[in-house]
Protein backbone atom coordinates (compact mmCIF):
# COMPACT_ATOMS: atom_id res chain seq x y z
CA MET A 1 -40.38 -2.23 -13.85
CA MET A 2 -37.80 -4.36 -16.18
CA ILE A 3 -35.42 -1.01 -16.15
CA LEU A 4 -35.90 -0.62 -12.45
CA SER A 5 -34.78 -4.35 -11.66
CA ALA A 6 -31.66 -4.18 -14.39
CA ALA A 7 -30.78 -1.05 -12.94
CA PHE A 8 -30.72 -2.50 -9.35
CA VAL A 9 -28.88 -5.77 -10.43
CA ALA A 10 -26.46 -3.31 -11.96
CA LEU A 11 -25.80 -1.39 -8.81
CA ALA A 12 -25.98 -4.47 -6.41
CA SER A 13 -23.25 -6.17 -8.65
CA ALA A 14 -21.05 -2.88 -8.44
CA ILE A 15 -21.55 -2.91 -4.71
CA THR A 16 -20.37 -6.25 -4.46
CA ALA A 17 -17.24 -5.49 -6.60
CA VAL A 18 -16.36 -2.61 -4.47
CA SER A 19 -16.70 -4.48 -1.15
CA ALA A 20 -14.67 -7.23 -2.60
CA HIS A 21 -11.03 -5.21 -2.71
CA GLY A 22 -10.19 -1.83 -1.42
CA GLY A 23 -7.30 0.72 -0.12
CA VAL A 24 -6.42 3.07 2.35
CA LEU A 25 -9.00 5.53 3.28
CA SER A 26 -7.39 7.32 5.82
CA TYR A 27 -4.34 7.88 7.98
CA LYS A 28 -3.36 9.13 11.69
CA ILE A 29 -0.24 10.67 11.90
CA GLY A 30 1.01 11.26 15.75
CA ASN A 31 -2.31 12.40 16.71
CA THR A 32 -3.58 14.08 13.70
CA ASN A 33 -6.03 12.41 11.53
CA TYR A 34 -5.77 12.67 7.63
CA ASN A 35 -8.82 11.89 5.53
CA GLY A 36 -7.18 10.06 2.19
CA PHE A 37 -8.73 10.58 -1.26
CA VAL A 38 -12.00 9.44 -2.06
CA PRO A 39 -12.02 6.69 -5.14
CA TYR A 40 -14.99 6.76 -7.37
CA ASN A 41 -15.30 10.42 -7.21
CA THR A 42 -13.72 13.03 -9.17
CA PRO A 43 -10.53 14.85 -7.86
CA THR A 44 -11.94 17.86 -8.45
CA GLY A 45 -12.59 19.56 -4.95
CA GLN A 46 -11.09 16.94 -3.16
CA SER A 47 -7.68 17.40 -0.85
CA SER A 48 -5.50 14.99 0.77
CA ILE A 49 -2.02 14.02 1.72
CA GLN A 50 -2.96 10.68 -0.19
CA ARG A 51 -2.41 10.39 -4.06
CA GLU A 52 -5.23 9.84 -6.36
CA TRP A 53 -6.45 6.39 -6.82
CA ASP A 54 -9.58 5.11 -8.59
CA SER A 55 -11.13 1.89 -7.86
CA TYR A 56 -10.80 -0.87 -4.99
CA ASN A 57 -9.88 -2.91 -7.81
CA PRO A 58 -6.22 -4.60 -7.34
CA ILE A 59 -3.21 -4.43 -9.84
CA THR A 60 -2.66 -8.08 -10.82
CA ASP A 61 0.54 -7.19 -13.18
CA PRO A 62 3.68 -7.06 -11.09
CA THR A 63 5.27 -5.00 -14.06
CA ASN A 64 2.19 -2.32 -14.56
CA ALA A 65 3.61 0.71 -15.11
CA GLN A 66 1.31 2.22 -11.99
CA LEU A 67 2.38 0.14 -9.28
CA SER A 68 4.39 2.57 -7.34
CA CYS A 69 1.07 4.46 -6.36
CA ASN A 70 -2.08 2.86 -7.74
CA ILE A 71 -4.10 3.79 -10.69
CA ASP A 72 -3.59 6.70 -11.35
CA GLY A 73 -1.69 7.61 -8.65
CA ALA A 74 -1.80 11.46 -10.18
CA ASN A 75 -1.30 14.59 -7.62
CA LEU A 76 -4.64 16.54 -7.08
CA GLY A 77 -2.92 19.36 -8.17
CA THR A 78 -4.05 22.52 -5.51
CA GLY A 79 -5.91 19.81 -3.42
CA GLN A 80 -2.64 17.81 -2.73
CA LEU A 81 -1.13 18.07 0.78
CA SER A 82 1.55 16.94 2.46
CA ALA A 83 1.58 15.54 6.43
CA THR A 84 4.82 17.25 8.11
CA VAL A 85 5.94 14.45 10.54
CA ALA A 86 9.26 13.94 13.19
CA ALA A 87 11.18 11.11 12.20
CA GLY A 88 9.88 8.37 14.87
CA THR A 89 6.59 9.67 14.86
CA SER A 90 3.77 6.58 14.29
CA VAL A 91 1.91 6.14 11.10
CA THR A 92 -1.56 4.23 11.27
CA ALA A 93 -3.44 3.37 7.68
CA TYR A 94 -6.84 2.68 7.61
CA TRP A 95 -8.46 0.61 5.47
CA ASN A 96 -11.90 -0.30 4.30
CA GLN A 97 -13.89 -3.18 5.61
CA TRP A 98 -10.94 -5.32 4.16
CA PRO A 99 -11.94 -8.85 3.21
CA HIS A 100 -8.60 -10.64 2.27
CA THR A 101 -6.62 -12.36 5.31
CA ILE A 102 -3.78 -13.98 3.14
CA GLY A 103 -0.98 -12.45 2.22
CA PRO A 104 2.07 -9.82 3.27
CA VAL A 105 2.02 -5.86 4.71
CA MET A 106 4.77 -4.02 3.07
CA VAL A 107 5.55 -0.54 4.03
CA TYR A 108 8.03 1.49 1.63
CA MET A 109 9.37 5.12 1.70
CA ALA A 110 10.92 7.28 -1.16
CA ASN A 111 12.81 10.63 -1.19
CA CYS A 112 11.29 12.97 -3.50
CA GLU A 113 14.57 14.59 -4.08
CA GLY A 114 12.71 17.82 -4.04
CA SER A 115 8.77 18.14 -4.35
CA CYS A 116 6.68 15.26 -3.91
CA THR A 117 3.84 16.46 -5.89
CA SER A 118 5.71 17.08 -8.81
CA ALA A 119 7.63 13.61 -8.50
CA ASN A 120 7.55 10.92 -10.85
CA THR A 121 6.73 7.83 -8.64
CA ALA A 122 7.70 5.37 -11.13
CA SER A 123 11.45 6.81 -11.06
CA LEU A 124 11.72 7.29 -7.37
CA ASN A 125 13.98 4.89 -5.25
CA TRP A 126 11.82 3.32 -2.79
CA PHE A 127 13.15 1.51 0.24
CA LYS A 128 11.13 -0.77 2.88
CA ILE A 129 10.76 0.24 6.14
CA GLU A 130 8.62 -2.59 7.46
CA GLN A 131 7.11 -5.82 6.31
CA SER A 132 5.39 -8.95 8.11
CA GLY A 133 4.29 -11.93 6.35
CA LEU A 134 3.31 -15.66 7.42
CA ILE A 135 2.81 -15.05 11.25
CA SER A 136 2.28 -18.93 12.16
CA GLY A 137 1.11 -21.78 11.04
CA ASP A 138 1.07 -23.24 7.13
CA LEU A 139 0.48 -21.06 4.21
CA PRO A 140 -3.12 -21.78 3.40
CA THR A 141 -4.24 -22.02 6.94
CA GLY A 142 -1.98 -20.05 9.08
CA THR A 143 -2.07 -16.52 10.33
CA TRP A 144 -1.18 -13.85 7.97
CA ALA A 145 0.10 -9.97 8.49
CA MET A 146 -3.17 -9.17 6.69
CA GLY A 147 -5.05 -11.15 9.12
CA GLN A 148 -3.75 -9.23 11.82
CA LEU A 149 -4.34 -5.81 9.94
CA VAL A 150 -8.23 -7.01 10.04
CA ALA A 151 -8.37 -8.21 13.04
CA ASN A 152 -6.56 -4.40 14.29
CA ASN A 153 -9.77 -2.62 13.05
CA ASN A 154 -8.35 -2.68 9.26
CA SER A 155 -5.35 -0.80 10.24
CA TRP A 156 -1.61 -1.10 10.28
CA THR A 157 0.75 0.57 12.25
CA THR A 158 4.35 1.44 11.60
CA SER A 159 6.91 4.37 12.40
CA ILE A 160 9.12 6.61 10.29
CA PRO A 161 12.74 5.72 10.97
CA SER A 162 13.71 8.09 14.07
CA GLN A 163 17.13 8.32 12.51
CA LEU A 164 16.06 9.15 8.49
CA ALA A 165 17.40 12.44 7.15
CA PRO A 166 14.71 15.24 6.78
CA GLY A 167 13.32 15.91 3.51
CA ASN A 168 10.25 15.06 1.85
CA TYR A 169 9.05 11.94 1.35
CA PHE A 170 6.55 9.31 -0.07
CA ILE A 171 4.88 6.53 2.34
CA ARG A 172 3.86 3.68 0.64
CA HIS A 173 1.73 0.90 2.32
CA GLU A 174 1.06 -2.19 0.56
CA LEU A 175 -0.89 -5.32 0.62
CA LEU A 176 -0.21 -8.43 -1.45
CA ALA A 177 -3.42 -10.79 -1.56
CA ILE A 178 -2.38 -14.15 -2.45
CA HIS A 179 -5.68 -15.94 -1.91
CA THR A 180 -6.18 -16.60 -5.32
CA ALA A 181 -3.87 -19.28 -6.86
CA ASN A 182 -1.11 -18.01 -9.28
CA GLN A 183 -2.78 -14.56 -9.33
CA PRO A 184 -1.08 -11.93 -7.30
CA GLN A 185 -3.35 -9.23 -6.17
CA PHE A 186 -1.30 -6.01 -5.15
CA TYR A 187 -3.13 -3.01 -3.36
CA PRO A 188 -0.59 -0.06 -2.95
CA GLU A 189 -1.10 3.55 -1.24
CA CYS A 190 1.13 6.21 -1.36
CA ALA A 191 0.76 9.64 0.88
CA GLN A 192 3.06 12.68 1.10
CA LEU A 193 5.11 13.75 4.18
CA ILE A 194 7.56 16.16 4.75
CA VAL A 195 9.69 14.52 7.35
CA THR A 196 11.59 16.64 9.89
CA GLY A 197 14.32 16.16 12.51
CA SER A 198 17.91 15.97 13.09
CA GLY A 199 18.97 12.55 11.54
CA THR A 200 21.24 12.11 9.04
CA ALA A 201 20.85 8.24 7.52
CA THR A 202 19.78 7.24 4.27
CA PRO A 203 19.67 3.70 2.90
CA GLY A 204 22.27 2.46 0.58
CA SER A 205 22.11 1.29 -2.59
CA SER A 206 21.65 -2.32 -1.92
CA TYR A 207 18.12 -1.28 -0.45
CA LEU A 208 16.57 0.79 -3.19
CA VAL A 209 14.40 -0.36 -5.48
CA LYS A 210 12.15 0.79 -8.38
CA LEU A 211 8.53 0.33 -8.79
CA PRO A 212 7.91 -1.44 -10.88
CA GLY A 213 11.04 -3.38 -11.12
CA ALA A 214 10.76 -4.95 -7.38
CA TYR A 215 8.42 -7.77 -8.32
CA SER A 216 8.22 -10.18 -11.36
CA MET A 217 5.65 -13.37 -12.15
CA SER A 218 9.07 -15.49 -12.13
CA ASP A 219 9.25 -14.88 -8.31
CA PRO A 220 7.61 -17.91 -6.93
CA ASN A 221 6.11 -15.85 -4.12
CA VAL A 222 4.41 -13.75 -6.24
CA ASP A 223 3.47 -16.25 -8.50
CA ILE A 224 2.31 -18.85 -5.89
CA ASP A 225 -0.32 -21.40 -5.36
CA ILE A 226 -0.60 -21.67 -1.36
CA TYR A 227 -3.22 -24.71 -1.37
CA ASP A 228 -0.72 -26.47 -3.13
CA MET A 229 1.51 -26.30 -0.02
CA GLN A 230 0.11 -27.71 2.96
CA GLY A 231 2.36 -27.82 5.53
CA VAL A 232 5.05 -25.28 4.19
CA THR A 233 5.51 -22.85 6.95
CA ASN A 234 7.95 -20.48 5.63
CA TYR A 235 7.11 -17.64 3.25
CA THR A 236 10.09 -15.19 1.78
CA ILE A 237 8.23 -11.34 1.46
CA PRO A 238 9.22 -10.56 -2.17
CA GLY A 239 11.26 -7.24 -2.51
CA PRO A 240 14.35 -5.66 -0.93
CA ALA A 241 15.38 -6.13 2.61
CA VAL A 242 14.09 -3.91 5.45
CA TRP A 243 16.19 -0.83 5.85
CA THR A 244 16.98 -0.46 9.60
CA PRO A 245 19.38 2.61 10.12
């Protein structure tokens, strides 16, 4: 009985830990649904447009070598897929039952300059295509983009820039939860796209960043205690400016 009880407690603790955080479970691109990678399971036999991510836990160090596409961010070998999408198409990322409502939502892309499957995501040049932070109110009690994500069935919809030049790209959704004082929680997720269309636009160098490299703990909006900021109604989202061709 004691062994069974201990096992039950361990299982309950694991479930609680998993439910505390999360990641993207699936995508809808245009009218097509794509399954995401299933964490806590072997990648063997899985196929997805998403890169591997191993747990619902956040990355808490903004200089972590695997910040670009989560831990461990590996391609799935023969199971690694890419979604073909026309520039201008909407992309919806569906998260698990998301518990956090304080923090910004950011969406990045990167040109793979060849095959995304063989790309080193930490060496790519990433550019932001959308971001949303504090919507209304003050930092500790206001409405944040992450709160809107939760209210919208734990989903976030953005669009591939309509003038983007065709090619092989990553799309990267990232939540930055800042509900814990001075302890940022990054939740990045990457999926592979083949963008089509007649666009010719590409972002200039001022919009491009490395991940890691775009954030540091010296950034006051990364290393932040929102509970000491009652009445403060502005928040600058970290990272580069949004590229709008």
